[in-house]
All heavy atoms as atom14 arrays in JSON, in Angstrom:
{
  "sequence": "KKVKGALRVGLVAADPLRVLGLQTIFPDGGSVEIVP",
  "atom14_mask": [
    [1, 1, 1, 1, 1, 1, 1, 1, 1, 0, 0, 0, 0, 0],
    [1, 1, 1, 1, 1, 1, 1, 1, 1, 0, 0, 0, 0, 0],
    [1, 1, 1, 1, 1, 1, 1, 0, 0, 0, 0, 0, 0, 0],
    [1, 1, 1, 1, 1, 1, 1, 1, 1, 0, 0, 0, 0, 0],
    [1, 1, 1, 1, 0, 0, 0, 0, 0, 0, 0, 0, 0, 0],
    [1, 1, 1, 1, 1, 0, 0, 0, 0, 0, 0, 0, 0, 0],
    [1, 1, 1, 1, 1, 1, 1, 1, 0, 0, 0, 0, 0, 0],
    [1, 1, 1, 1, 1, 1, 1, 1, 1, 1, 1, 0, 0, 0],
    [1, 1, 1, 1, 1, 1, 1, 0, 0, 0, 0, 0, 0, 0],
    [1, 1, 1, 1, 0, 0, 0, 0, 0, 0, 0, 0, 0, 0],
    [1, 1, 1, 1, 1, 1, 1, 1, 0, 0, 0, 0, 0, 0],
    [1, 1, 1, 1, 1, 1, 1, 0, 0, 0, 0, 0, 0, 0],
    [1, 1, 1, 1, 1, 0, 0, 0, 0, 0, 0, 0, 0, 0],
    [1, 1, 1, 1, 1, 0, 0, 0, 0, 0, 0, 0, 0, 0],
    [1, 1, 1, 1, 1, 1, 1, 1, 0, 0, 0, 0, 0, 0],
    [1, 1, 1, 1, 1, 1, 1, 0, 0, 0, 0, 0, 0, 0],
    [1, 1, 1, 1, 1, 1, 1, 1, 0, 0, 0, 0, 0, 0],
    [1, 1, 1, 1, 1, 1, 1, 1, 1, 1, 1, 0, 0, 0],
    [1, 1, 1, 1, 1, 1, 1, 0, 0, 0, 0, 0, 0, 0],
    [1, 1, 1, 1, 1, 1, 1, 1, 0, 0, 0, 0, 0, 0],
    [1, 1, 1, 1, 0, 0, 0, 0, 0, 0, 0, 0, 0, 0],
    [1, 1, 1, 1, 1, 1, 1, 1, 0, 0, 0, 0, 0, 0],
    [1, 1, 1, 1, 1, 1, 1, 1, 1, 0, 0, 0, 0, 0],
    [1, 1, 1, 1, 1, 1, 1, 0, 0, 0, 0, 0, 0, 0],
    [1, 1, 1, 1, 1, 1, 1, 1, 0, 0, 0, 0, 0, 0],
    [1, 1, 1, 1, 1, 1, 1, 1, 1, 1, 1, 0, 0, 0],
    [1, 1, 1, 1, 1, 1, 1, 0, 0, 0, 0, 0, 0, 0],
    [1, 1, 1, 1, 1, 1, 1, 1, 0, 0, 0, 0, 0, 0],
    [1, 1, 1, 1, 0, 0, 0, 0, 0, 0, 0, 0, 0, 0],
    [1, 1, 1, 1, 0, 0, 0, 0, 0, 0, 0, 0, 0, 0],
    [1, 1, 1, 1, 1, 1, 0, 0, 0, 0, 0, 0, 0, 0],
    [1, 1, 1, 1, 1, 1, 1, 0, 0, 0, 0, 0, 0, 0],
    [1, 1, 1, 1, 1, 1, 1, 1, 1, 0, 0, 0, 0, 0],
    [1, 1, 1, 1, 1, 1, 1, 1, 0, 0, 0, 0, 0, 0],
    [1, 1, 1, 1, 1, 1, 1, 0, 0, 0, 0, 0, 0, 0],
    [1, 1, 1, 1, 1, 1, 1, 0, 0, 0, 0, 0, 0, 0]
  ],
  "atom14_positions": [
    [[-11.84, 7.07, 9.28], [-11.47, 6.34, 10.52], [-10.72, 5.1, 10.09], [-9.64, 4.68, 10.71], [-12.6, 6.07, 11.4], [-12.28, 5.27, 12.76], [-13.46, 5.03, 13.52], [-13.1, 4.44, 14.87], [-14.36, 4.18, 15.75], [0.0, 0.0, 0.0], [0.0, 0.0, 0.0], [0.0, 0.0, 0.0], [0.0, 0.0, 0.0], [0.0, 0.0, 0.0]],
    [[-11.24, 4.33, 9.09], [-10.65, 3.18, 8.65], [-9.2, 3.41, 8.11], [-8.39, 2.66, 8.36], [-11.55, 2.48, 7.57], [-11.05, 1.21, 6.99], [-12.05, 0.43, 6.12], [-11.54, -0.83, 5.7], [-12.52, -1.43, 4.79], [0.0, 0.0, 0.0], [0.0, 0.0, 0.0], [0.0, 0.0, 0.0], [0.0, 0.0, 0.0], [0.0, 0.0, 0.0]],
    [[-9.18, 4.52, 7.24], [-7.85, 4.79, 6.68], [-6.86, 5.02, 7.78], [-5.64, 4.64, 7.75], [-7.87, 5.87, 5.62], [-6.52, 6.38, 5.15], [-8.85, 5.56, 4.4], [0.0, 0.0, 0.0], [0.0, 0.0, 0.0], [0.0, 0.0, 0.0], [0.0, 0.0, 0.0], [0.0, 0.0, 0.0], [0.0, 0.0, 0.0], [0.0, 0.0, 0.0]],
    [[-7.23, 5.88, 8.76], [-6.38, 6.26, 9.86], [-5.86, 5.05, 10.63], [-4.77, 5.1, 11.22], [-6.97, 7.27, 10.77], [-7.2, 8.7, 10.06], [-7.93, 9.58, 11.12], [-8.21, 10.99, 10.41], [-8.97, 11.91, 11.27], [0.0, 0.0, 0.0], [0.0, 0.0, 0.0], [0.0, 0.0, 0.0], [0.0, 0.0, 0.0], [0.0, 0.0, 0.0]],
    [[-6.62, 4.06, 10.77], [-6.37, 2.94, 11.57], [-5.66, 1.88, 10.69], [-5.26, 0.77, 11.14], [0.0, 0.0, 0.0], [0.0, 0.0, 0.0], [0.0, 0.0, 0.0], [0.0, 0.0, 0.0], [0.0, 0.0, 0.0], [0.0, 0.0, 0.0], [0.0, 0.0, 0.0], [0.0, 0.0, 0.0], [0.0, 0.0, 0.0], [0.0, 0.0, 0.0]],
    [[-5.43, 2.1, 9.3], [-4.75, 1.04, 8.5], [-3.25, 0.94, 8.87], [-2.58, 1.84, 9.38], [-4.73, 1.59, 7.03], [0.0, 0.0, 0.0], [0.0, 0.0, 0.0], [0.0, 0.0, 0.0], [0.0, 0.0, 0.0], [0.0, 0.0, 0.0], [0.0, 0.0, 0.0], [0.0, 0.0, 0.0], [0.0, 0.0, 0.0], [0.0, 0.0, 0.0]],
    [[-2.72, -0.3, 8.72], [-1.35, -0.63, 8.79], [-0.61, -0.11, 7.63], [-0.81, -0.37, 6.5], [-1.17, -2.1, 8.84], [0.25, -2.61, 8.84], [1.08, -2.2, 10.02], [0.25, -4.1, 8.7], [0.0, 0.0, 0.0], [0.0, 0.0, 0.0], [0.0, 0.0, 0.0], [0.0, 0.0, 0.0], [0.0, 0.0, 0.0], [0.0, 0.0, 0.0]],
    [[0.34, 0.84, 7.91], [1.17, 1.51, 6.91], [2.27, 0.68, 6.66], [3.32, 0.53, 7.5], [1.43, 2.87, 7.18], [0.3, 3.8, 7.17], [0.52, 5.3, 7.77], [1.46, 5.94, 6.87], [1.19, 6.6, 5.88], [-0.11, 6.65, 5.49], [2.21, 7.32, 5.19], [0.0, 0.0, 0.0], [0.0, 0.0, 0.0], [0.0, 0.0, 0.0]],
    [[2.53, 0.1, 5.42], [3.62, -0.71, 5.14], [4.48, 0.02, 4.06], [4.07, 0.31, 2.92], [3.13, -2.11, 4.52], [4.4, -2.93, 4.09], [2.23, -2.93, 5.36], [0.0, 0.0, 0.0], [0.0, 0.0, 0.0], [0.0, 0.0, 0.0], [0.0, 0.0, 0.0], [0.0, 0.0, 0.0], [0.0, 0.0, 0.0], [0.0, 0.0, 0.0]],
    [[5.71, 0.26, 4.49], [6.66, 0.86, 3.57], [7.22, -0.03, 2.54], [7.51, -1.23, 2.83], [0.0, 0.0, 0.0], [0.0, 0.0, 0.0], [0.0, 0.0, 0.0], [0.0, 0.0, 0.0], [0.0, 0.0, 0.0], [0.0, 0.0, 0.0], [0.0, 0.0, 0.0], [0.0, 0.0, 0.0], [0.0, 0.0, 0.0], [0.0, 0.0, 0.0]],
    [[7.29, 0.42, 1.35], [7.89, -0.51, 0.2], [9.07, 0.12, -0.41], [8.96, 1.38, -1.03], [6.78, -0.68, -0.87], [7.26, -1.38, -2.06], [7.67, -2.83, -1.8], [6.1, -1.53, -3.14], [0.0, 0.0, 0.0], [0.0, 0.0, 0.0], [0.0, 0.0, 0.0], [0.0, 0.0, 0.0], [0.0, 0.0, 0.0], [0.0, 0.0, 0.0]],
    [[10.14, -0.52, -0.44], [11.46, -0.09, -1.05], [11.61, -0.89, -2.29], [11.99, -2.08, -2.26], [12.69, -0.21, -0.2], [13.97, 0.18, -0.89], [12.49, 0.49, 1.2], [0.0, 0.0, 0.0], [0.0, 0.0, 0.0], [0.0, 0.0, 0.0], [0.0, 0.0, 0.0], [0.0, 0.0, 0.0], [0.0, 0.0, 0.0], [0.0, 0.0, 0.0]],
    [[11.37, -0.29, -3.38], [11.43, -1.17, -4.78], [11.63, -0.09, -5.89], [11.07, 1.06, -5.99], [10.08, -1.81, -4.94], [0.0, 0.0, 0.0], [0.0, 0.0, 0.0], [0.0, 0.0, 0.0], [0.0, 0.0, 0.0], [0.0, 0.0, 0.0], [0.0, 0.0, 0.0], [0.0, 0.0, 0.0], [0.0, 0.0, 0.0], [0.0, 0.0, 0.0]],
    [[12.57, -0.57, -6.82], [12.74, 0.27, -7.96], [11.84, -0.01, -9.16], [11.72, 0.83, -10.02], [14.24, 0.09, -8.44], [0.0, 0.0, 0.0], [0.0, 0.0, 0.0], [0.0, 0.0, 0.0], [0.0, 0.0, 0.0], [0.0, 0.0, 0.0], [0.0, 0.0, 0.0], [0.0, 0.0, 0.0], [0.0, 0.0, 0.0], [0.0, 0.0, 0.0]],
    [[11.26, -1.08, -9.18], [10.29, -1.48, -10.18], [8.94, -1.1, -10.05], [8.31, -1.35, -9.05], [10.34, -3.06, -10.32], [9.45, -3.6, -11.47], [8.89, -2.65, -12.21], [9.44, -4.78, -11.72], [0.0, 0.0, 0.0], [0.0, 0.0, 0.0], [0.0, 0.0, 0.0], [0.0, 0.0, 0.0], [0.0, 0.0, 0.0], [0.0, 0.0, 0.0]],
    [[8.45, -0.03, -10.88], [7.13, 0.54, -10.75], [6.03, -0.56, -10.73], [5.04, -0.33, -10.13], [6.95, 1.49, -11.8], [7.93, 1.07, -12.87], [9.16, 0.57, -12.08], [0.0, 0.0, 0.0], [0.0, 0.0, 0.0], [0.0, 0.0, 0.0], [0.0, 0.0, 0.0], [0.0, 0.0, 0.0], [0.0, 0.0, 0.0], [0.0, 0.0, 0.0]],
    [[6.25, -1.61, -11.45], [5.22, -2.66, -11.56], [5.14, -3.3, -10.15], [3.97, -3.88, -9.86], [5.59, -3.72, -12.61], [5.39, -3.19, -14.15], [5.9, -4.25, -15.09], [4.1, -2.63, -14.31], [0.0, 0.0, 0.0], [0.0, 0.0, 0.0], [0.0, 0.0, 0.0], [0.0, 0.0, 0.0], [0.0, 0.0, 0.0], [0.0, 0.0, 0.0]],
    [[6.2, -3.51, -9.36], [6.14, -4.1, -8.2], [5.22, -3.23, -7.18], [4.48, -3.78, -6.43], [7.53, -4.23, -7.59], [7.67, -5.03, -6.28], [7.68, -6.5, -6.54], [8.79, -6.93, -7.41], [8.61, -7.86, -8.34], [7.62, -8.47, -8.53], [9.65, -8.2, -8.95], [0.0, 0.0, 0.0], [0.0, 0.0, 0.0], [0.0, 0.0, 0.0]],
    [[5.5, -1.82, -7.32], [4.72, -0.99, -6.45], [3.29, -1.1, -6.83], [2.37, -1.21, -6.02], [5.28, 0.48, -6.65], [4.48, 1.48, -5.88], [6.74, 0.5, -6.2], [0.0, 0.0, 0.0], [0.0, 0.0, 0.0], [0.0, 0.0, 0.0], [0.0, 0.0, 0.0], [0.0, 0.0, 0.0], [0.0, 0.0, 0.0], [0.0, 0.0, 0.0]],
    [[2.94, -1.0, -8.1], [1.69, -1.0, -8.56], [0.87, -2.41, -8.05], [-0.32, -2.33, -7.78], [1.58, -0.9, -10.12], [0.18, -0.88, -10.8], [-0.66, 0.32, -10.27], [0.3, -0.66, -12.31], [0.0, 0.0, 0.0], [0.0, 0.0, 0.0], [0.0, 0.0, 0.0], [0.0, 0.0, 0.0], [0.0, 0.0, 0.0], [0.0, 0.0, 0.0]],
    [[1.68, -3.42, -8.24], [0.97, -4.76, -7.92], [0.58, -4.78, -6.54], [-0.47, -5.21, -6.28], [0.0, 0.0, 0.0], [0.0, 0.0, 0.0], [0.0, 0.0, 0.0], [0.0, 0.0, 0.0], [0.0, 0.0, 0.0], [0.0, 0.0, 0.0], [0.0, 0.0, 0.0], [0.0, 0.0, 0.0], [0.0, 0.0, 0.0], [0.0, 0.0, 0.0]],
    [[1.45, -4.44, -5.73], [1.11, -4.3, -4.24], [-0.06, -3.39, -3.91], [-0.91, -3.65, -3.01], [2.36, -4.04, -3.34], [3.39, -5.25, -3.28], [4.61, -4.9, -2.73], [2.72, -6.43, -2.45], [0.0, 0.0, 0.0], [0.0, 0.0, 0.0], [0.0, 0.0, 0.0], [0.0, 0.0, 0.0], [0.0, 0.0, 0.0], [0.0, 0.0, 0.0]],
    [[0.07, -2.21, -4.56], [-1.0, -1.2, -4.3], [-2.33, -1.76, -4.79], [-3.43, -1.33, -4.29], [-0.69, 0.12, -4.96], [0.43, 0.81, -4.18], [0.86, 2.12, -4.89], [0.8, 2.28, -6.09], [1.3, 3.12, -4.13], [0.0, 0.0, 0.0], [0.0, 0.0, 0.0], [0.0, 0.0, 0.0], [0.0, 0.0, 0.0], [0.0, 0.0, 0.0]],
    [[-2.31, -2.61, -5.84], [-3.62, -3.28, -6.33], [-4.16, -4.2, -5.44], [-5.33, -4.27, -5.13], [-3.32, -3.9, -7.64], [-2.84, -2.88, -8.67], [-4.54, -4.56, -8.2], [0.0, 0.0, 0.0], [0.0, 0.0, 0.0], [0.0, 0.0, 0.0], [0.0, 0.0, 0.0], [0.0, 0.0, 0.0], [0.0, 0.0, 0.0], [0.0, 0.0, 0.0]],
    [[-3.17, -4.9, -4.84], [-3.59, -5.98, -3.81], [-4.24, -5.24, -2.51], [-5.23, -5.65, -1.87], [-2.49, -6.82, -3.28], [-1.99, -7.73, -4.5], [-2.72, -7.66, -2.04], [-0.72, -8.51, -4.27], [0.0, 0.0, 0.0], [0.0, 0.0, 0.0], [0.0, 0.0, 0.0], [0.0, 0.0, 0.0], [0.0, 0.0, 0.0], [0.0, 0.0, 0.0]],
    [[-3.65, -4.12, -2.15], [-4.14, -3.33, -1.01], [-4.43, -2.07, -1.34], [-3.72, -1.06, -1.33], [-2.91, -3.23, 0.15], [-2.46, -4.48, 0.53], [-1.17, -4.95, 0.08], [-3.09, -5.23, 1.46], [-0.72, -6.18, 0.49], [-2.7, -6.5, 1.91], [-1.41, -7.04, 1.48], [0.0, 0.0, 0.0], [0.0, 0.0, 0.0], [0.0, 0.0, 0.0]],
    [[-5.7, -1.86, -1.96], [-6.22, -0.52, -2.49], [-6.34, 0.46, -1.37], [-6.47, 0.12, -0.21], [-7.52, -0.84, -3.23], [-8.07, -2.05, -2.48], [-6.69, -2.84, -2.03], [0.0, 0.0, 0.0], [0.0, 0.0, 0.0], [0.0, 0.0, 0.0], [0.0, 0.0, 0.0], [0.0, 0.0, 0.0], [0.0, 0.0, 0.0], [0.0, 0.0, 0.0]],
    [[-6.54, 1.69, -1.67], [-6.81, 2.85, -0.74], [-8.07, 2.59, -0.02], [-9.14, 2.06, -0.47], [-6.89, 4.15, -1.42], [-5.6, 4.64, -1.98], [-4.58, 4.15, -1.51], [-5.67, 5.57, -2.86], [0.0, 0.0, 0.0], [0.0, 0.0, 0.0], [0.0, 0.0, 0.0], [0.0, 0.0, 0.0], [0.0, 0.0, 0.0], [0.0, 0.0, 0.0]],
    [[-7.97, 2.8, 1.35], [-9.34, 2.57, 2.24], [-9.25, 1.27, 2.92], [-10.29, 0.97, 3.74], [0.0, 0.0, 0.0], [0.0, 0.0, 0.0], [0.0, 0.0, 0.0], [0.0, 0.0, 0.0], [0.0, 0.0, 0.0], [0.0, 0.0, 0.0], [0.0, 0.0, 0.0], [0.0, 0.0, 0.0], [0.0, 0.0, 0.0], [0.0, 0.0, 0.0]],
    [[-8.47, 0.41, 2.65], [-8.33, -0.91, 3.22], [-7.55, -0.86, 4.57], [-7.17, 0.12, 5.1], [0.0, 0.0, 0.0], [0.0, 0.0, 0.0], [0.0, 0.0, 0.0], [0.0, 0.0, 0.0], [0.0, 0.0, 0.0], [0.0, 0.0, 0.0], [0.0, 0.0, 0.0], [0.0, 0.0, 0.0], [0.0, 0.0, 0.0], [0.0, 0.0, 0.0]],
    [[-7.38, -2.14, 5.04], [-6.74, -2.28, 6.44], [-5.2, -2.1, 6.27], [-4.56, -1.98, 7.32], [-7.07, -3.62, 7.09], [-6.69, -4.67, 6.19], [0.0, 0.0, 0.0], [0.0, 0.0, 0.0], [0.0, 0.0, 0.0], [0.0, 0.0, 0.0], [0.0, 0.0, 0.0], [0.0, 0.0, 0.0], [0.0, 0.0, 0.0], [0.0, 0.0, 0.0]],
    [[-4.71, -2.2, 5.03], [-3.28, -2.08, 4.79], [-2.96, -1.05, 3.68], [-3.67, -1.06, 2.68], [-2.6, -3.38, 4.33], [-1.07, -3.28, 3.93], [-2.71, -4.49, 5.43], [0.0, 0.0, 0.0], [0.0, 0.0, 0.0], [0.0, 0.0, 0.0], [0.0, 0.0, 0.0], [0.0, 0.0, 0.0], [0.0, 0.0, 0.0], [0.0, 0.0, 0.0]],
    [[-2.11, -0.14, 4.02], [-1.74, 0.93, 2.99], [-0.27, 0.86, 2.55], [0.6, 0.73, 3.44], [-2.02, 2.34, 3.67], [-1.62, 3.48, 2.83], [-1.75, 4.79, 3.42], [-2.19, 4.87, 4.57], [-1.56, 5.74, 2.72], [0.0, 0.0, 0.0], [0.0, 0.0, 0.0], [0.0, 0.0, 0.0], [0.0, 0.0, 0.0], [0.0, 0.0, 0.0]],
    [[0.06, 0.55, 1.36], [1.25, 0.55, 0.78], [1.86, 1.95, 0.56], [1.43, 2.67, -0.06], [1.36, -0.33, -0.5], [0.93, -1.7, -0.34], [2.77, -0.36, -1.03], [1.73, -2.54, 0.7], [0.0, 0.0, 0.0], [0.0, 0.0, 0.0], [0.0, 0.0, 0.0], [0.0, 0.0, 0.0], [0.0, 0.0, 0.0], [0.0, 0.0, 0.0]],
    [[3.05, 2.25, 1.21], [3.66, 3.6, 1.07], [5.11, 3.48, 0.51], [6.06, 2.95, 1.05], [3.94, 4.22, 2.51], [4.42, 5.62, 2.51], [2.54, 4.21, 3.29], [0.0, 0.0, 0.0], [0.0, 0.0, 0.0], [0.0, 0.0, 0.0], [0.0, 0.0, 0.0], [0.0, 0.0, 0.0], [0.0, 0.0, 0.0], [0.0, 0.0, 0.0]],
    [[5.12, 3.82, -0.86], [6.46, 3.78, -1.58], [7.35, 4.69, -0.79], [7.16, 5.81, -0.41], [6.13, 4.36, -2.87], [4.67, 4.12, -3.09], [4.04, 4.3, -1.74], [0.0, 0.0, 0.0], [0.0, 0.0, 0.0], [0.0, 0.0, 0.0], [0.0, 0.0, 0.0], [0.0, 0.0, 0.0], [0.0, 0.0, 0.0], [0.0, 0.0, 0.0]]
  ]
}
């Protein structure tokens, strides 16, 4: 239920470290989900 209610934030980035960094800040199961 928590995952389904999470805010999905799309990320447009070419640097994989940028993607990883944001996914680390917002891990799976939280209130924000980073979607590459």
